[in-house]
Amino acid sequence: MYSNKLEGSQRRAALEKLKNWEFQEDRNGLIKRQFMFKDFKHAWQFMNKIADKAEEMNHHPEWFNVYNKVDIVLTTQFVYSLFLSWNNSYFKK
């Protein structure tokens, strides 16, 4: 289980290392990214891959899917430790 939450400048510094993630100031500093795929099937395969890892880590992201788009907002109290790990292994595109 991940338990180190970054705050303030540490959080912003970590986010700068990640491509295509947006800092959501209006949502208390959460991060968001939209992924685009060839079609619904590919978007769903991506979501399945992430869902398996999320369940393993007991972390369940907020996400939204319409056809070939998947929006992910990371909202957990462990978000900044977690997204660094996830971005490097699952969210590269």
C-alpha atoms as a PDB file:
ATOM      1  CA  MET A   1       0.000   0.000   0.000  1.00  0.00           C
ATOM      2  CA  TYR A   2       1.266   3.448  -0.868  1.00  0.00           C
ATOM      3  CA  SER A   3       1.119   6.004   1.914  1.00  0.00           C
ATOM      4  CA  ASN A   4       3.332   8.951   0.986  1.00  0.00           C
ATOM      5  CA  LYS A   5       1.273  11.902  -0.163  1.00  0.00           C
ATOM      6  CA  LEU A   6       3.146  14.812  -1.677  1.00  0.00           C
ATOM      7  CA  GLU A   7       2.030  18.340  -0.899  1.00  0.00           C
ATOM      8  CA  GLY A   8       2.480  21.762  -2.489  1.00  0.00           C
ATOM      9  CA  SER A   9       5.752  22.236  -4.329  1.00  0.00           C
ATOM     10  CA  GLN A  10       6.642  18.526  -4.094  1.00  0.00           C
ATOM     11  CA  ARG A  11       3.385  17.651  -5.812  1.00  0.00           C
ATOM     12  CA  ARG A  12       3.938  20.197  -8.584  1.00  0.00           C
ATOM     13  CA  ALA A  13       7.529  19.015  -9.117  1.00  0.00           C
ATOM     14  CA  ALA A  14       6.342  15.413  -9.461  1.00  0.00           C
ATOM     15  CA  LEU A  15       3.635  16.419 -11.935  1.00  0.00           C
ATOM     16  CA  GLU A  16       6.159  18.261 -14.116  1.00  0.00           C
ATOM     17  CA  LYS A  17       7.824  14.902 -14.792  1.00  0.00           C
ATOM     18  CA  LEU A  18       4.636  13.428 -16.222  1.00  0.00           C
ATOM     19  CA  LYS A  19       3.544  14.062 -19.787  1.00  0.00           C
ATOM     20  CA  ASN A  20      -0.041  15.009 -20.580  1.00  0.00           C
ATOM     21  CA  TRP A  21      -1.326  15.095 -16.984  1.00  0.00           C
ATOM     22  CA  GLU A  22      -3.166  18.220 -15.848  1.00  0.00           C
ATOM     23  CA  PHE A  23      -3.158  19.607 -12.340  1.00  0.00           C
ATOM     24  CA  GLN A  24      -6.757  20.246 -11.209  1.00  0.00           C
ATOM     25  CA  GLU A  25      -6.407  23.251  -8.913  1.00  0.00           C
ATOM     26  CA  ASP A  26     -10.187  23.596  -8.642  1.00  0.00           C
ATOM     27  CA  ARG A  27     -10.412  19.996  -7.402  1.00  0.00           C
ATOM     28  CA  ASN A  28      -7.931  20.338  -4.560  1.00  0.00           C
ATOM     29  CA  GLY A  29      -4.898  19.403  -6.613  1.00  0.00           C
ATOM     30  CA  LEU A  30      -6.023  16.180  -8.250  1.00  0.00           C
ATOM     31  CA  ILE A  31      -4.550  15.172 -11.574  1.00  0.00           C
ATOM     32  CA  LYS A  32      -6.329  14.340 -14.822  1.00  0.00           C
ATOM     33  CA  ARG A  33      -5.435  12.898 -18.186  1.00  0.00           C
ATOM     34  CA  GLN A  34      -7.388  12.014 -21.298  1.00  0.00           C
ATOM     35  CA  PHE A  35      -6.363   9.001 -23.369  1.00  0.00           C
ATOM     36  CA  MET A  36      -7.488   8.572 -26.979  1.00  0.00           C
ATOM     37  CA  PHE A  37      -7.674   5.213 -28.751  1.00  0.00           C
ATOM     38  CA  LYS A  38      -8.433   3.882 -32.211  1.00  0.00           C
ATOM     39  CA  ASP A  39     -11.898   2.696 -31.175  1.00  0.00           C
ATOM     40  CA  PHE A  40     -14.050   1.558 -28.266  1.00  0.00           C
ATOM     41  CA  LYS A  41     -12.490  -1.917 -28.156  1.00  0.00           C
ATOM     42  CA  HIS A  42      -8.993  -0.496 -27.621  1.00  0.00           C
ATOM     43  CA  ALA A  43     -10.239   1.968 -25.000  1.00  0.00           C
ATOM     44  CA  TRP A  44     -11.952  -0.871 -23.133  1.00  0.00           C
ATOM     45  CA  GLN A  45      -8.825  -3.055 -23.253  1.00  0.00           C
ATOM     46  CA  PHE A  46      -6.852  -0.197 -21.708  1.00  0.00           C
ATOM     47  CA  MET A  47      -9.463   0.209 -18.964  1.00  0.00           C
ATOM     48  CA  ASN A  48      -9.345  -3.534 -18.222  1.00  0.00           C
ATOM     49  CA  LYS A  49      -5.572  -3.412 -17.876  1.00  0.00           C
ATOM     50  CA  ILE A  50      -5.789  -0.458 -15.496  1.00  0.00           C
ATOM     51  CA  ALA A  51      -8.671  -2.028 -13.562  1.00  0.00           C
ATOM     52  CA  ASP A  52      -6.642  -5.153 -12.831  1.00  0.00           C
ATOM     53  CA  LYS A  53      -3.742  -3.108 -11.481  1.00  0.00           C
ATOM     54  CA  ALA A  54      -6.076  -0.796  -9.541  1.00  0.00           C
ATOM     55  CA  GLU A  55      -7.750  -3.737  -7.848  1.00  0.00           C
ATOM     56  CA  GLU A  56      -4.384  -5.271  -6.979  1.00  0.00           C
ATOM     57  CA  MET A  57      -3.348  -1.976  -5.348  1.00  0.00           C
ATOM     58  CA  ASN A  58      -6.780  -1.348  -3.771  1.00  0.00           C
ATOM     59  CA  HIS A  59      -6.913   1.974  -5.598  1.00  0.00           C
ATOM     60  CA  HIS A  60      -9.864   2.833  -7.777  1.00  0.00           C
ATOM     61  CA  PRO A  61      -9.481   5.885 -10.020  1.00  0.00           C
ATOM     62  CA  GLU A  62     -12.306   8.096 -11.150  1.00  0.00           C
ATOM     63  CA  TRP A  63     -12.729   7.574 -14.856  1.00  0.00           C
ATOM     64  CA  PHE A  64     -15.085   8.296 -17.702  1.00  0.00           C
ATOM     65  CA  ASN A  65     -15.337   6.563 -21.069  1.00  0.00           C
ATOM     66  CA  VAL A  66     -17.089   7.567 -24.274  1.00  0.00           C
ATOM     67  CA  TYR A  67     -16.279   5.519 -27.363  1.00  0.00           C
ATOM     68  CA  ASN A  68     -12.510   5.956 -27.920  1.00  0.00           C
ATOM     69  CA  LYS A  69     -11.812   8.378 -25.029  1.00  0.00           C
ATOM     70  CA  VAL A  70     -10.915   7.555 -21.442  1.00  0.00           C
ATOM     71  CA  ASP A  71     -10.544  10.352 -18.879  1.00  0.00           C
ATOM     72  CA  ILE A  72      -8.822   9.438 -15.630  1.00  0.00           C
ATOM     73  CA  VAL A  73      -8.742  11.549 -12.470  1.00  0.00           C
ATOM     74  CA  LEU A  74      -6.622  10.273  -9.631  1.00  0.00           C
ATOM     75  CA  THR A  75      -8.334  11.057  -6.360  1.00  0.00           C
ATOM     76  CA  THR A  76      -6.911   8.739  -3.730  1.00  0.00           C
ATOM     77  CA  GLN A  77      -5.117  10.021  -0.643  1.00  0.00           C
ATOM     78  CA  PHE A  78      -2.124   8.112  -1.988  1.00  0.00           C
ATOM     79  CA  VAL A  79      -2.346   9.650  -5.432  1.00  0.00           C
ATOM     80  CA  TYR A  80       1.123  11.071  -5.931  1.00  0.00           C
ATOM     81  CA  SER A  81       3.069   7.968  -4.973  1.00  0.00           C
ATOM     82  CA  LEU A  82       0.699   5.911  -7.033  1.00  0.00           C
ATOM     83  CA  PHE A  83       0.545   7.938 -10.229  1.00  0.00           C
ATOM     84  CA  LEU A  84       4.323   8.056 -10.507  1.00  0.00           C
ATOM     85  CA  SER A  85       4.348   4.279 -10.522  1.00  0.00           C
ATOM     86  CA  TRP A  86       1.355   3.992 -12.849  1.00  0.00           C
ATOM     87  CA  ASN A  87       2.513   6.584 -15.337  1.00  0.00           C
ATOM     88  CA  ASN A  88       5.831   4.839 -15.772  1.00  0.00           C
ATOM     89  CA  SER A  89       4.365   1.377 -16.253  1.00  0.00           C
ATOM     90  CA  TYR A  90       0.792   1.676 -17.525  1.00  0.00           C
ATOM     91  CA  PHE A  91      -0.006   5.148 -18.806  1.00  0.00           C
ATOM     92  CA  LYS A  92       2.837   5.711 -21.277  1.00  0.00           C
ATOM     93  CA  LYS A  93       1.535   6.298 -24.727  1.00  0.00           C
END
